[in-house]
Amino acid sequence: MFKQHHVAPFAISMGSLLLSQIAFTAHAAALMGFEDSAMLMTEIGRYNQEWMLNYSPTFGHAIGVEQMRMSGKGERATTISGINYTGIIKRWNLPAAQANIWFNGSIGEARGQYDGFAYTPSLQFDIESTRLYFLAKARMIRAPHMNYDTAAVQAGFSFYETGFNETQPWFVIEAKTMRNNDPGLQVTPALRLINKNYFLEFGVTNPWQGEGFAPRLNAMFVF
């Protein structure tokens, strides 16, 4: 009886912790899935398009392929294709939230307005609870004579808490700048739906600009 009295609460707490880690990992801030999983991420909008497919052989590291397409002011589009690496630099497991610092980057080739060797290193900080979310990201996007460096912040909140197997709706707003891009500032309010294996996000960039506004779709799937 003595062992049962103490072991059961410990097992329950460890199970809850593990469940929370899986749930957080699958949320919007994550750049990879759990160990021995694959993740597909994509962004489709007027100003840039991007997709990435990676595989996590072990916790905290993922390798994959990435392609992005973007264009500057009055320029033809440039497509960058490359090999991508994602890694967790630091993770904090807080009592009711999780915070991370990520490195993500690719090396490859640019084709279009600019041609040649391309590289896209980035750093990302995010913190997320079951109800609140914040992200800050800086990314270099470079090729010969090309500089599309970006910086972005996101903040959001969930409308209500849900169970592990249920889909949770969030409101998220992002402000992003991209050098040599028109518009230079892109503000996107969006509705995000998060499940343990996916998220879908539907937003409109610069909705106040009349003809300048643009719909945007973000998606992530872990399998």
N, C-alpha and C. Protein backbone atom coordinates (compact mmCIF):
# COMPACT_ATOMS: atom_id res chain seq x y z
N MET A 1 0.83 -1.20 0.00
CA MET A 1 0.00 0.00 0.00
C MET A 1 0.87 1.26 0.00
N PHE A 2 1.98 1.18 0.71
CA PHE A 2 2.86 2.34 0.79
C PHE A 2 3.39 2.71 -0.59
N LYS A 3 3.80 1.70 -1.38
CA LYS A 3 4.34 1.95 -2.71
C LYS A 3 3.27 2.49 -3.64
N GLN A 4 2.08 1.91 -3.57
CA GLN A 4 1.00 2.38 -4.44
C GLN A 4 0.65 3.83 -4.12
N HIS A 5 0.65 4.17 -2.87
CA HIS A 5 0.26 5.52 -2.46
C HIS A 5 1.19 6.57 -3.05
N HIS A 6 2.50 6.26 -3.20
CA HIS A 6 3.46 7.24 -3.66
C HIS A 6 3.75 7.13 -5.14
N VAL A 7 3.74 5.92 -5.70
CA VAL A 7 4.10 5.72 -7.10
C VAL A 7 3.01 6.23 -8.03
N ALA A 8 1.75 6.04 -7.67
CA ALA A 8 0.66 6.43 -8.56
C ALA A 8 0.66 7.93 -8.84
N PRO A 9 0.73 8.81 -7.83
CA PRO A 9 0.80 10.25 -8.14
C PRO A 9 2.01 10.60 -8.98
N PHE A 10 3.16 9.91 -8.70
CA PHE A 10 4.36 10.20 -9.50
C PHE A 10 4.13 9.82 -10.96
N ALA A 11 3.51 8.65 -11.21
CA ALA A 11 3.25 8.21 -12.58
C ALA A 11 2.29 9.15 -13.28
N ILE A 12 1.27 9.61 -12.54
CA ILE A 12 0.32 10.54 -13.13
C ILE A 12 0.99 11.84 -13.51
N SER A 13 1.84 12.38 -12.62
CA SER A 13 2.51 13.65 -12.90
C SER A 13 3.46 13.51 -14.08
N MET A 14 4.18 12.38 -14.16
CA MET A 14 5.09 12.18 -15.28
C MET A 14 4.31 12.03 -16.57
N GLY A 15 3.17 11.34 -16.52
CA GLY A 15 2.35 11.21 -17.71
C GLY A 15 1.82 12.54 -18.18
N SER A 16 1.41 13.38 -17.23
CA SER A 16 0.91 14.71 -17.60
C SER A 16 2.01 15.55 -18.21
N LEU A 17 3.23 15.43 -17.64
CA LEU A 17 4.36 16.19 -18.18
C LEU A 17 4.66 15.76 -19.61
N LEU A 18 4.70 14.43 -19.84
CA LEU A 18 4.97 13.93 -21.18
C LEU A 18 3.90 14.39 -22.16
N LEU A 19 2.64 14.34 -21.73
CA LEU A 19 1.55 14.77 -22.60
C LEU A 19 1.69 16.25 -22.93
N SER A 20 2.07 17.07 -21.95
CA SER A 20 2.22 18.49 -22.22
C SER A 20 3.37 18.74 -23.19
N GLN A 21 4.46 17.95 -23.09
CA GLN A 21 5.58 18.15 -24.01
C GLN A 21 5.17 17.83 -25.43
N ILE A 22 4.44 16.72 -25.62
CA ILE A 22 3.98 16.37 -26.97
C ILE A 22 3.05 17.44 -27.51
N ALA A 23 2.15 17.94 -26.66
CA ALA A 23 1.20 18.96 -27.12
C ALA A 23 1.93 20.24 -27.51
N PHE A 24 2.87 20.69 -26.68
CA PHE A 24 3.60 21.90 -27.00
C PHE A 24 4.40 21.73 -28.28
N THR A 25 5.07 20.57 -28.44
CA THR A 25 5.90 20.34 -29.61
C THR A 25 5.10 20.44 -30.89
N ALA A 26 3.86 20.02 -30.87
CA ALA A 26 3.04 20.03 -32.08
C ALA A 26 2.41 21.39 -32.35
N HIS A 27 2.60 22.34 -31.45
CA HIS A 27 1.96 23.63 -31.62
C HIS A 27 2.71 24.50 -32.62
N ALA A 28 2.18 25.69 -32.82
CA ALA A 28 2.63 26.53 -33.94
C ALA A 28 4.06 26.98 -33.84
N ALA A 29 4.60 27.07 -32.63
CA ALA A 29 5.96 27.57 -32.50
C ALA A 29 7.00 26.54 -32.93
N ALA A 30 6.64 25.27 -32.95
CA ALA A 30 7.60 24.22 -33.23
C ALA A 30 8.07 24.25 -34.68
N LEU A 31 9.35 23.91 -34.88
CA LEU A 31 9.91 23.82 -36.23
C LEU A 31 10.24 22.38 -36.59
N MET A 32 9.90 21.45 -35.71
CA MET A 32 10.10 20.04 -35.99
C MET A 32 9.09 19.25 -35.17
N GLY A 33 8.94 17.97 -35.50
CA GLY A 33 8.05 17.11 -34.75
C GLY A 33 8.80 16.40 -33.62
N PHE A 34 8.23 15.33 -33.12
CA PHE A 34 8.86 14.54 -32.07
C PHE A 34 9.89 13.59 -32.69
N GLU A 35 10.60 12.86 -31.86
CA GLU A 35 11.64 11.95 -32.35
C GLU A 35 11.07 10.93 -33.32
N ASP A 36 11.77 10.68 -34.41
CA ASP A 36 11.39 9.73 -35.46
C ASP A 36 10.08 10.13 -36.13
N SER A 37 9.91 11.43 -36.37
CA SER A 37 8.72 11.91 -37.06
C SER A 37 9.15 12.82 -38.21
N ALA A 38 8.22 13.04 -39.12
CA ALA A 38 8.44 13.97 -40.23
C ALA A 38 7.47 15.13 -40.09
N MET A 39 7.87 16.30 -40.60
CA MET A 39 7.02 17.48 -40.54
C MET A 39 7.03 18.17 -41.90
N LEU A 40 5.85 18.55 -42.34
CA LEU A 40 5.69 19.34 -43.56
C LEU A 40 5.11 20.68 -43.19
N MET A 41 5.79 21.78 -43.58
CA MET A 41 5.32 23.13 -43.31
C MET A 41 5.25 23.89 -44.63
N THR A 42 4.23 24.74 -44.77
CA THR A 42 4.11 25.52 -45.99
C THR A 42 3.47 26.87 -45.69
N GLU A 43 3.84 27.87 -46.49
CA GLU A 43 3.23 29.19 -46.46
C GLU A 43 2.94 29.61 -47.89
N ILE A 44 1.70 30.00 -48.14
CA ILE A 44 1.29 30.39 -49.49
C ILE A 44 0.66 31.78 -49.40
N GLY A 45 1.28 32.77 -50.05
CA GLY A 45 0.77 34.13 -50.05
C GLY A 45 1.20 34.85 -51.31
N ARG A 46 0.75 36.08 -51.45
CA ARG A 46 1.08 36.86 -52.64
C ARG A 46 2.55 37.26 -52.65
N TYR A 47 3.12 37.55 -51.49
CA TYR A 47 4.45 38.14 -51.45
C TYR A 47 5.56 37.11 -51.37
N ASN A 48 5.27 35.93 -50.85
CA ASN A 48 6.25 34.85 -50.84
C ASN A 48 5.55 33.52 -50.62
N GLN A 49 6.18 32.46 -51.11
CA GLN A 49 5.70 31.11 -50.92
C GLN A 49 6.87 30.27 -50.41
N GLU A 50 6.56 29.33 -49.53
CA GLU A 50 7.62 28.53 -48.94
C GLU A 50 7.07 27.19 -48.50
N TRP A 51 7.89 26.14 -48.62
CA TRP A 51 7.56 24.85 -48.02
C TRP A 51 8.83 24.19 -47.52
N MET A 52 8.69 23.39 -46.46
CA MET A 52 9.82 22.68 -45.88
C MET A 52 9.34 21.31 -45.42
N LEU A 53 10.13 20.29 -45.73
CA LEU A 53 9.86 18.93 -45.27
C LEU A 53 11.10 18.45 -44.53
N ASN A 54 10.96 18.08 -43.26
CA ASN A 54 12.12 17.60 -42.51
C ASN A 54 11.78 16.34 -41.74
N TYR A 55 12.85 15.69 -41.28
CA TYR A 55 12.74 14.45 -40.49
C TYR A 55 13.59 14.61 -39.24
N SER A 56 13.05 14.19 -38.09
CA SER A 56 13.74 14.28 -36.81
C SER A 56 14.24 12.90 -36.39
N PRO A 57 15.52 12.58 -36.62
CA PRO A 57 16.02 11.27 -36.21
C PRO A 57 16.14 11.14 -34.70
N THR A 58 16.28 12.28 -34.02
CA THR A 58 16.40 12.30 -32.57
C THR A 58 15.82 13.61 -32.06
N PHE A 59 15.52 13.67 -30.79
CA PHE A 59 14.91 14.88 -30.23
C PHE A 59 15.86 16.07 -30.37
N GLY A 60 15.33 17.19 -30.86
CA GLY A 60 16.09 18.43 -30.92
C GLY A 60 16.83 18.67 -32.21
N HIS A 61 16.76 17.74 -33.17
CA HIS A 61 17.47 17.92 -34.44
C HIS A 61 16.60 17.40 -35.58
N ALA A 62 16.64 18.13 -36.70
CA ALA A 62 15.89 17.70 -37.88
C ALA A 62 16.64 18.14 -39.13
N ILE A 63 16.57 17.32 -40.16
CA ILE A 63 17.21 17.62 -41.44
C ILE A 63 16.17 17.44 -42.53
N GLY A 64 16.23 18.28 -43.56
CA GLY A 64 15.22 18.17 -44.60
C GLY A 64 15.55 19.02 -45.81
N VAL A 65 14.53 19.31 -46.59
CA VAL A 65 14.66 20.12 -47.80
C VAL A 65 13.69 21.29 -47.71
N GLU A 66 14.04 22.38 -48.37
CA GLU A 66 13.24 23.60 -48.30
C GLU A 66 13.28 24.32 -49.65
N GLN A 67 12.16 24.96 -49.98
CA GLN A 67 12.13 25.81 -51.17
C GLN A 67 11.30 27.05 -50.85
N MET A 68 11.80 28.21 -51.27
CA MET A 68 11.05 29.45 -51.08
C MET A 68 11.11 30.28 -52.35
N ARG A 69 10.07 31.06 -52.57
CA ARG A 69 9.97 31.89 -53.77
C ARG A 69 9.53 33.28 -53.33
N MET A 70 10.25 34.32 -53.75
CA MET A 70 9.92 35.68 -53.35
C MET A 70 10.43 36.64 -54.40
N SER A 71 9.96 37.87 -54.34
CA SER A 71 10.40 38.88 -55.30
C SER A 71 10.46 40.23 -54.61
N GLY A 72 11.44 41.05 -55.02
CA GLY A 72 11.60 42.38 -54.49
C GLY A 72 10.83 43.40 -55.31
N LYS A 73 11.07 44.67 -55.04
CA LYS A 73 10.36 45.74 -55.71
C LYS A 73 10.71 45.77 -57.20
N GLY A 74 9.72 45.53 -58.05
CA GLY A 74 9.92 45.58 -59.49
C GLY A 74 10.83 44.52 -60.05
N GLU A 75 11.03 43.40 -59.31
CA GLU A 75 11.94 42.36 -59.74
C GLU A 75 11.19 41.09 -60.12
N ARG A 76 11.86 40.26 -60.93
CA ARG A 76 11.36 38.91 -61.16
C ARG A 76 11.50 38.09 -59.88
N ALA A 77 10.72 37.05 -59.78
CA ALA A 77 10.78 36.20 -58.60
C ALA A 77 12.09 35.41 -58.59
N THR A 78 12.58 35.16 -57.39
CA THR A 78 13.74 34.29 -57.19
C THR A 78 13.30 33.09 -56.37
N THR A 79 13.71 31.90 -56.80
CA THR A 79 13.42 30.66 -56.08
C THR A 79 14.70 30.12 -55.47
N ILE A 80 14.66 29.82 -54.17
CA ILE A 80 15.80 29.25 -53.46
C ILE A 80 15.44 27.82 -53.05
N SER A 81 16.24 26.86 -53.46
CA SER A 81 16.05 25.46 -53.09
C SER A 81 17.29 24.99 -52.35
N GLY A 82 17.11 24.27 -51.23
CA GLY A 82 18.27 23.86 -50.48
C GLY A 82 18.00 22.78 -49.46
N ILE A 83 19.09 22.39 -48.78
CA ILE A 83 19.05 21.44 -47.68
C ILE A 83 18.92 22.23 -46.39
N ASN A 84 18.02 21.79 -45.52
CA ASN A 84 17.67 22.54 -44.32
C ASN A 84 18.03 21.77 -43.05
N TYR A 85 18.47 22.50 -42.02
CA TYR A 85 18.71 21.92 -40.70
C TYR A 85 17.98 22.75 -39.66
N THR A 86 17.37 22.07 -38.69
CA THR A 86 16.70 22.73 -37.57
C THR A 86 17.20 22.13 -36.27
N GLY A 87 17.50 22.96 -35.29
CA GLY A 87 17.95 22.47 -34.00
C GLY A 87 17.46 23.34 -32.86
N ILE A 88 17.23 22.74 -31.71
CA ILE A 88 16.86 23.48 -30.50
C ILE A 88 18.14 23.89 -29.78
N ILE A 89 18.34 25.18 -29.60
CA ILE A 89 19.49 25.68 -28.86
C ILE A 89 19.24 25.61 -27.36
N LYS A 90 18.03 25.97 -26.93
CA LYS A 90 17.69 25.97 -25.51
C LYS A 90 16.19 25.81 -25.36
N ARG A 91 15.78 25.03 -24.37
CA ARG A 91 14.36 24.87 -24.05
C ARG A 91 14.17 25.04 -22.55
N TRP A 92 13.13 25.79 -22.20
CA TRP A 92 12.74 25.97 -20.80
C TRP A 92 11.35 25.37 -20.61
N ASN A 93 11.23 24.37 -19.73
CA ASN A 93 9.94 23.80 -19.37
C ASN A 93 9.44 24.50 -18.11
N LEU A 94 8.53 25.44 -18.30
CA LEU A 94 8.02 26.26 -17.22
C LEU A 94 6.80 25.58 -16.61
N PRO A 95 6.33 26.02 -15.43
CA PRO A 95 5.21 25.35 -14.78
C PRO A 95 3.95 25.27 -15.65
N ALA A 96 3.65 26.32 -16.41
CA ALA A 96 2.42 26.31 -17.23
C ALA A 96 2.71 26.75 -18.66
N ALA A 97 3.96 26.66 -19.10
CA ALA A 97 4.31 27.11 -20.45
C ALA A 97 5.63 26.47 -20.87
N GLN A 98 6.01 26.72 -22.11
CA GLN A 98 7.29 26.25 -22.63
C GLN A 98 7.90 27.34 -23.49
N ALA A 99 9.22 27.54 -23.36
CA ALA A 99 9.92 28.53 -24.16
C ALA A 99 11.09 27.85 -24.86
N ASN A 100 11.42 28.34 -26.07
CA ASN A 100 12.46 27.73 -26.88
C ASN A 100 13.27 28.78 -27.61
N ILE A 101 14.54 28.46 -27.86
CA ILE A 101 15.35 29.18 -28.84
C ILE A 101 15.76 28.17 -29.90
N TRP A 102 15.47 28.48 -31.17
CA TRP A 102 15.71 27.58 -32.29
C TRP A 102 16.74 28.18 -33.24
N PHE A 103 17.51 27.30 -33.86
CA PHE A 103 18.27 27.66 -35.06
C PHE A 103 17.67 26.92 -36.23
N ASN A 104 17.50 27.65 -37.34
CA ASN A 104 16.99 27.04 -38.56
C ASN A 104 17.71 27.68 -39.74
N GLY A 105 18.10 26.88 -40.70
CA GLY A 105 18.77 27.47 -41.86
C GLY A 105 18.96 26.47 -42.97
N SER A 106 19.16 26.98 -44.16
CA SER A 106 19.38 26.12 -45.33
C SER A 106 20.52 26.69 -46.16
N ILE A 107 21.16 25.83 -46.93
CA ILE A 107 22.12 26.22 -47.95
C ILE A 107 21.66 25.58 -49.25
N GLY A 108 21.77 26.33 -50.34
CA GLY A 108 21.30 25.80 -51.61
C GLY A 108 21.60 26.74 -52.76
N GLU A 109 20.69 26.81 -53.70
CA GLU A 109 20.91 27.56 -54.92
C GLU A 109 19.73 28.48 -55.21
N ALA A 110 20.02 29.69 -55.64
CA ALA A 110 19.00 30.66 -56.04
C ALA A 110 18.92 30.71 -57.56
N ARG A 111 17.68 30.81 -58.07
CA ARG A 111 17.45 30.92 -59.50
C ARG A 111 16.35 31.94 -59.76
N GLY A 112 16.56 32.81 -60.75
CA GLY A 112 15.55 33.81 -61.10
C GLY A 112 16.19 35.17 -61.28
N GLN A 113 15.65 36.16 -60.58
CA GLN A 113 16.26 37.49 -60.61
C GLN A 113 17.72 37.44 -60.14
N TYR A 114 17.99 36.56 -59.16
CA TYR A 114 19.34 36.37 -58.65
C TYR A 114 19.69 34.89 -58.77
N ASP A 115 20.96 34.62 -59.09
CA ASP A 115 21.43 33.25 -59.27
C ASP A 115 22.68 33.03 -58.42
N GLY A 116 22.82 31.79 -57.97
CA GLY A 116 24.04 31.43 -57.27
C GLY A 116 23.78 30.80 -55.92
N PHE A 117 24.87 30.65 -55.15
CA PHE A 117 24.80 30.03 -53.83
C PHE A 117 23.94 30.88 -52.88
N ALA A 118 23.04 30.23 -52.16
CA ALA A 118 22.12 30.94 -51.25
C ALA A 118 22.19 30.32 -49.87
N TYR A 119 21.96 31.15 -48.84
CA TYR A 119 21.95 30.66 -47.47
C TYR A 119 20.91 31.44 -46.68
N THR A 120 20.27 30.76 -45.70
CA THR A 120 19.13 31.37 -44.99
C THR A 120 19.15 31.06 -43.49
N PRO A 121 20.20 31.41 -42.74
CA PRO A 121 20.20 31.13 -41.30
C PRO A 121 19.20 32.00 -40.55
N SER A 122 18.63 31.44 -39.48
CA SER A 122 17.67 32.22 -38.69
C SER A 122 17.73 31.79 -37.23
N LEU A 123 17.31 32.70 -36.35
CA LEU A 123 17.12 32.42 -34.93
C LEU A 123 15.68 32.75 -34.57
N GLN A 124 15.09 31.91 -33.74
CA GLN A 124 13.70 32.12 -33.33
C GLN A 124 13.57 31.89 -31.82
N PHE A 125 12.86 32.81 -31.17
CA PHE A 125 12.48 32.63 -29.77
C PHE A 125 10.97 32.55 -29.70
N ASP A 126 10.45 31.58 -28.96
CA ASP A 126 9.00 31.51 -28.77
C ASP A 126 8.68 31.05 -27.36
N ILE A 127 7.53 31.47 -26.89
CA ILE A 127 7.02 31.02 -25.60
C ILE A 127 5.52 30.82 -25.74
N GLU A 128 5.03 29.72 -25.19
CA GLU A 128 3.63 29.35 -25.42
C GLU A 128 3.08 28.62 -24.21
N SER A 129 1.88 29.02 -23.83
CA SER A 129 1.10 28.27 -22.85
C SER A 129 -0.11 27.70 -23.59
N THR A 130 -1.05 27.15 -22.85
CA THR A 130 -2.26 26.64 -23.50
C THR A 130 -3.19 27.76 -23.95
N ARG A 131 -2.90 29.02 -23.54
CA ARG A 131 -3.80 30.11 -23.89
C ARG A 131 -3.10 31.30 -24.56
N LEU A 132 -1.77 31.46 -24.38
CA LEU A 132 -1.06 32.61 -24.91
C LEU A 132 0.17 32.17 -25.70
N TYR A 133 0.58 33.02 -26.64
CA TYR A 133 1.67 32.65 -27.56
C TYR A 133 2.40 33.90 -28.01
N PHE A 134 3.75 33.82 -28.05
CA PHE A 134 4.56 34.92 -28.56
C PHE A 134 5.78 34.35 -29.28
N LEU A 135 6.18 34.98 -30.39
CA LEU A 135 7.32 34.54 -31.19
C LEU A 135 8.06 35.75 -31.73
N ALA A 136 9.38 35.66 -31.78
CA ALA A 136 10.22 36.67 -32.43
C ALA A 136 11.26 35.93 -33.26
N LYS A 137 11.46 36.39 -34.50
CA LYS A 137 12.34 35.66 -35.42
C LYS A 137 13.11 36.64 -36.29
N ALA A 138 14.40 36.33 -36.52
CA ALA A 138 15.23 37.09 -37.45
C ALA A 138 15.86 36.10 -38.41
N ARG A 139 15.84 36.43 -39.71
CA ARG A 139 16.32 35.49 -40.72
C ARG A 139 17.08 36.23 -41.81
N MET A 140 18.26 35.73 -42.14
CA MET A 140 19.00 36.21 -43.29
C MET A 140 18.59 35.38 -44.51
N ILE A 141 18.31 36.06 -45.64
CA ILE A 141 18.00 35.38 -46.89
C ILE A 141 18.91 36.00 -47.94
N ARG A 142 20.01 35.32 -48.26
CA ARG A 142 21.06 35.92 -49.06
C ARG A 142 21.46 35.03 -50.24
N ALA A 143 21.84 35.70 -51.32
CA ALA A 143 22.45 35.11 -52.50
C ALA A 143 23.27 36.22 -53.13
N PRO A 144 24.09 35.95 -54.15
CA PRO A 144 24.87 37.03 -54.77
C PRO A 144 24.00 38.21 -55.18
N HIS A 145 24.30 39.40 -54.63
CA HIS A 145 23.60 40.66 -54.91
C HIS A 145 22.16 40.67 -54.39
N MET A 146 21.77 39.70 -53.59
CA MET A 146 20.40 39.61 -53.08
C MET A 146 20.40 39.70 -51.57
N ASN A 147 19.49 40.50 -51.01
CA ASN A 147 19.31 40.61 -49.57
C ASN A 147 17.82 40.74 -49.29
N TYR A 148 17.19 39.64 -48.85
CA TYR A 148 15.79 39.65 -48.46
C TYR A 148 15.67 39.34 -46.97
N ASP A 149 16.57 39.87 -46.15
CA ASP A 149 16.54 39.60 -44.72
C ASP A 149 15.18 39.97 -44.13
N THR A 150 14.69 39.15 -43.21
CA THR A 150 13.38 39.37 -42.63
C THR A 150 13.46 39.38 -41.11
N ALA A 151 12.50 40.05 -40.49
CA ALA A 151 12.31 40.02 -39.04
C ALA A 151 10.81 39.98 -38.78
N ALA A 152 10.40 39.21 -37.81
CA ALA A 152 8.96 39.05 -37.56
C ALA A 152 8.70 38.85 -36.08
N VAL A 153 7.54 39.34 -35.65
CA VAL A 153 7.02 39.04 -34.31
C VAL A 153 5.58 38.57 -34.49
N GLN A 154 5.19 37.63 -33.65
CA GLN A 154 3.82 37.12 -33.63
C GLN A 154 3.33 37.10 -32.19
N ALA A 155 2.04 37.32 -32.01
CA ALA A 155 1.42 37.18 -30.70
C ALA A 155 0.01 36.66 -30.92
N GLY A 156 -0.47 35.86 -29.98
CA GLY A 156 -1.81 35.32 -30.13
C GLY A 156 -2.37 34.79 -28.84
N PHE A 157 -3.66 34.45 -28.89
CA PHE A 157 -4.34 33.86 -27.75
C PHE A 157 -5.35 32.84 -28.25
N SER A 158 -5.59 31.84 -27.43
CA SER A 158 -6.61 30.85 -27.76
C SER A 158 -7.95 31.30 -27.19
N PHE A 159 -9.01 30.92 -27.88
CA PHE A 159 -10.34 31.33 -27.44
C PHE A 159 -10.79 30.55 -26.20
N TYR A 160 -10.34 29.30 -26.07
CA TYR A 160 -10.66 28.49 -24.91
C TYR A 160 -9.74 27.27 -24.91
N GLU A 161 -9.59 26.64 -23.77
CA GLU A 161 -8.77 25.44 -23.67
C GLU A 161 -9.52 24.23 -24.19
N THR A 162 -8.76 23.27 -24.72
CA THR A 162 -9.36 22.04 -25.24
C THR A 162 -8.58 20.84 -24.74
N GLY A 163 -9.11 19.66 -25.01
CA GLY A 163 -8.41 18.42 -24.68
C GLY A 163 -7.32 18.12 -25.68
N PHE A 164 -6.50 17.11 -25.37
CA PHE A 164 -5.34 16.78 -26.19
C PHE A 164 -5.74 16.37 -27.60
N ASN A 165 -6.86 15.69 -27.75
CA ASN A 165 -7.29 15.20 -29.05
C ASN A 165 -8.25 16.14 -29.77
N GLU A 166 -8.46 17.33 -29.25
CA GLU A 166 -9.40 18.28 -29.84
C GLU A 166 -8.66 19.40 -30.56
N THR A 167 -9.34 20.03 -31.50
CA THR A 167 -8.77 21.15 -32.24
C THR A 167 -9.05 22.45 -31.49
N GLN A 168 -8.01 23.27 -31.34
CA GLN A 168 -8.12 24.51 -30.55
C GLN A 168 -8.00 25.72 -31.48
N PRO A 169 -8.95 26.65 -31.44
CA PRO A 169 -8.86 27.86 -32.27
C PRO A 169 -8.07 28.97 -31.57
N TRP A 170 -7.23 29.67 -32.37
CA TRP A 170 -6.42 30.77 -31.87
C TRP A 170 -6.60 31.98 -32.77
N PHE A 171 -6.45 33.17 -32.20
CA PHE A 171 -6.28 34.39 -32.99
C PHE A 171 -4.82 34.79 -32.89
N VAL A 172 -4.18 35.02 -34.04
CA VAL A 172 -2.76 35.36 -34.10
C VAL A 172 -2.58 36.57 -35.00
N ILE A 173 -1.70 37.47 -34.62
CA ILE A 173 -1.35 38.59 -35.49
C ILE A 173 0.17 38.63 -35.65
N GLU A 174 0.62 38.85 -36.87
CA GLU A 174 2.04 38.88 -37.18
C GLU A 174 2.40 40.20 -37.85
N ALA A 175 3.55 40.75 -37.47
CA ALA A 175 4.14 41.90 -38.15
C ALA A 175 5.51 41.46 -38.66
N LYS A 176 5.73 41.61 -39.98
CA LYS A 176 6.97 41.13 -40.60
C LYS A 176 7.51 42.18 -41.54
N THR A 177 8.82 42.35 -41.51
CA THR A 177 9.49 43.23 -42.46
C THR A 177 10.44 42.39 -43.31
N MET A 178 10.57 42.75 -44.59
CA MET A 178 11.49 42.09 -45.51
C MET A 178 12.21 43.15 -46.32
N ARG A 179 13.54 43.13 -46.30
CA ARG A 179 14.31 44.13 -47.02
C ARG A 179 14.08 43.99 -48.52
N ASN A 180 14.03 45.14 -49.20
CA ASN A 180 13.89 45.20 -50.65
C ASN A 180 12.61 44.54 -51.15
N ASN A 181 11.59 44.54 -50.30
CA ASN A 181 10.32 43.96 -50.67
C ASN A 181 9.24 45.02 -50.61
N ASP A 182 8.21 44.87 -51.40
CA ASP A 182 7.08 45.80 -51.42
C ASP A 182 5.79 45.01 -51.21
N PRO A 183 5.07 45.21 -50.08
CA PRO A 183 5.30 46.22 -49.05
C PRO A 183 6.39 45.80 -48.07
N GLY A 184 7.09 46.78 -47.53
CA GLY A 184 8.16 46.50 -46.59
C GLY A 184 7.65 45.98 -45.26
N LEU A 185 6.47 46.42 -44.83
CA LEU A 185 5.85 45.94 -43.60
C LEU A 185 4.60 45.16 -43.96
N GLN A 186 4.53 43.93 -43.47
CA GLN A 186 3.38 43.07 -43.72
C GLN A 186 2.75 42.70 -42.38
N VAL A 187 1.52 43.13 -42.17
CA VAL A 187 0.79 42.83 -40.94
C VAL A 187 -0.34 41.87 -41.30
N THR A 188 -0.37 40.72 -40.62
CA THR A 188 -1.33 39.67 -40.97
C THR A 188 -2.09 39.20 -39.75
N PRO A 189 -3.35 39.58 -39.58
CA PRO A 189 -4.20 38.94 -38.57
C PRO A 189 -4.72 37.62 -39.14
N ALA A 190 -4.83 36.61 -38.28
CA ALA A 190 -5.17 35.27 -38.79
C ALA A 190 -5.91 34.46 -37.74
N LEU A 191 -6.66 33.49 -38.23
CA LEU A 191 -7.28 32.46 -37.40
C LEU A 191 -6.47 31.19 -37.55
N ARG A 192 -6.03 30.62 -36.44
CA ARG A 192 -5.19 29.42 -36.45
C ARG A 192 -5.93 28.29 -35.74
N LEU A 193 -5.96 27.13 -36.36
CA LEU A 193 -6.56 25.93 -35.78
C LEU A 193 -5.46 24.94 -35.48
N ILE A 194 -5.31 24.54 -34.22
CA ILE A 194 -4.21 23.68 -33.80
C ILE A 194 -4.75 22.35 -33.29
N ASN A 195 -4.15 21.28 -33.78
CA ASN A 195 -4.42 19.93 -33.31
C ASN A 195 -3.10 19.30 -32.93
N LYS A 196 -3.11 18.11 -32.35
CA LYS A 196 -1.86 17.50 -31.92
C LYS A 196 -0.94 17.16 -33.09
N ASN A 197 -1.48 16.98 -34.30
CA ASN A 197 -0.66 16.60 -35.45
C ASN A 197 -0.64 17.64 -36.56
N TYR A 198 -1.33 18.76 -36.40
CA TYR A 198 -1.33 19.75 -37.48
C TYR A 198 -1.75 21.11 -36.95
N PHE A 199 -1.44 22.15 -37.73
CA PHE A 199 -2.14 23.42 -37.57
C PHE A 199 -2.43 23.99 -38.95
N LEU A 200 -3.54 24.71 -39.04
CA LEU A 200 -3.95 25.41 -40.25
C LEU A 200 -4.20 26.86 -39.87
N GLU A 201 -3.71 27.78 -40.70
CA GLU A 201 -3.85 29.20 -40.41
C GLU A 201 -4.31 29.95 -41.65
N PHE A 202 -5.38 30.73 -41.50
CA PHE A 202 -5.93 31.53 -42.60
C PHE A 202 -5.88 32.99 -42.19
N GLY A 203 -5.20 33.82 -42.98
CA GLY A 203 -5.07 35.23 -42.65
C GLY A 203 -5.12 36.12 -43.86
N VAL A 204 -5.12 37.43 -43.60
CA VAL A 204 -5.11 38.43 -44.67
C VAL A 204 -4.01 39.43 -44.34
N THR A 205 -3.06 39.60 -45.26
CA THR A 205 -1.94 40.53 -45.07
C THR A 205 -2.34 41.93 -45.49
N ASN A 206 -2.08 42.91 -44.63
CA ASN A 206 -2.38 44.32 -44.86
C ASN A 206 -3.81 44.51 -45.38
N PRO A 207 -4.81 44.09 -44.60
CA PRO A 207 -6.20 44.15 -45.07
C PRO A 207 -6.72 45.56 -45.32
N TRP A 208 -6.05 46.58 -44.79
CA TRP A 208 -6.50 47.97 -44.96
C TRP A 208 -6.05 48.57 -46.29
N GLN A 209 -5.26 47.86 -47.09
CA GLN A 209 -4.65 48.45 -48.27
C GLN A 209 -5.51 48.36 -49.54
N GLY A 210 -6.73 47.95 -49.43
CA GLY A 210 -7.56 47.85 -50.63
C GLY A 210 -7.04 46.81 -51.59
N GLU A 211 -6.57 47.23 -52.77
CA GLU A 211 -6.06 46.29 -53.73
C GLU A 211 -4.74 45.65 -53.29
N GLY A 212 -4.10 46.22 -52.28
CA GLY A 212 -2.82 45.69 -51.82
C GLY A 212 -2.94 44.54 -50.84
N PHE A 213 -4.16 44.28 -50.34
CA PHE A 213 -4.30 43.20 -49.37
C PHE A 213 -4.12 41.85 -50.06
N ALA A 214 -3.74 40.84 -49.26
CA ALA A 214 -3.44 39.54 -49.84
C ALA A 214 -3.80 38.44 -48.86
N PRO A 215 -4.55 37.41 -49.26
CA PRO A 215 -4.82 36.27 -48.38
C PRO A 215 -3.55 35.44 -48.20
N ARG A 216 -3.47 34.75 -47.09
CA ARG A 216 -2.30 33.92 -46.79
C ARG A 216 -2.73 32.65 -46.09
N LEU A 217 -2.11 31.55 -46.44
CA LEU A 217 -2.38 30.24 -45.83
C LEU A 217 -1.08 29.69 -45.28
N ASN A 218 -1.08 29.29 -44.02
CA ASN A 218 0.02 28.56 -43.41
C ASN A 218 -0.49 27.20 -42.95
N ALA A 219 0.35 26.18 -43.05
CA ALA A 219 -0.07 24.86 -42.63
C ALA A 219 1.14 24.08 -42.13
N MET A 220 0.90 23.18 -41.20
CA MET A 220 1.93 22.27 -40.70
C MET A 220 1.29 20.93 -40.40
N PHE A 221 1.98 19.85 -40.80
CA PHE A 221 1.51 18.50 -40.55
C PHE A 221 2.66 17.67 -40.00
N VAL A 222 2.43 16.92 -38.92
CA VAL A 222 3.41 16.03 -38.34
C VAL A 222 2.91 14.61 -38.52
N PHE A 223 3.79 13.75 -39.04
CA PHE A 223 3.38 12.35 -39.28
C PHE A 223 4.58 11.43 -39.11
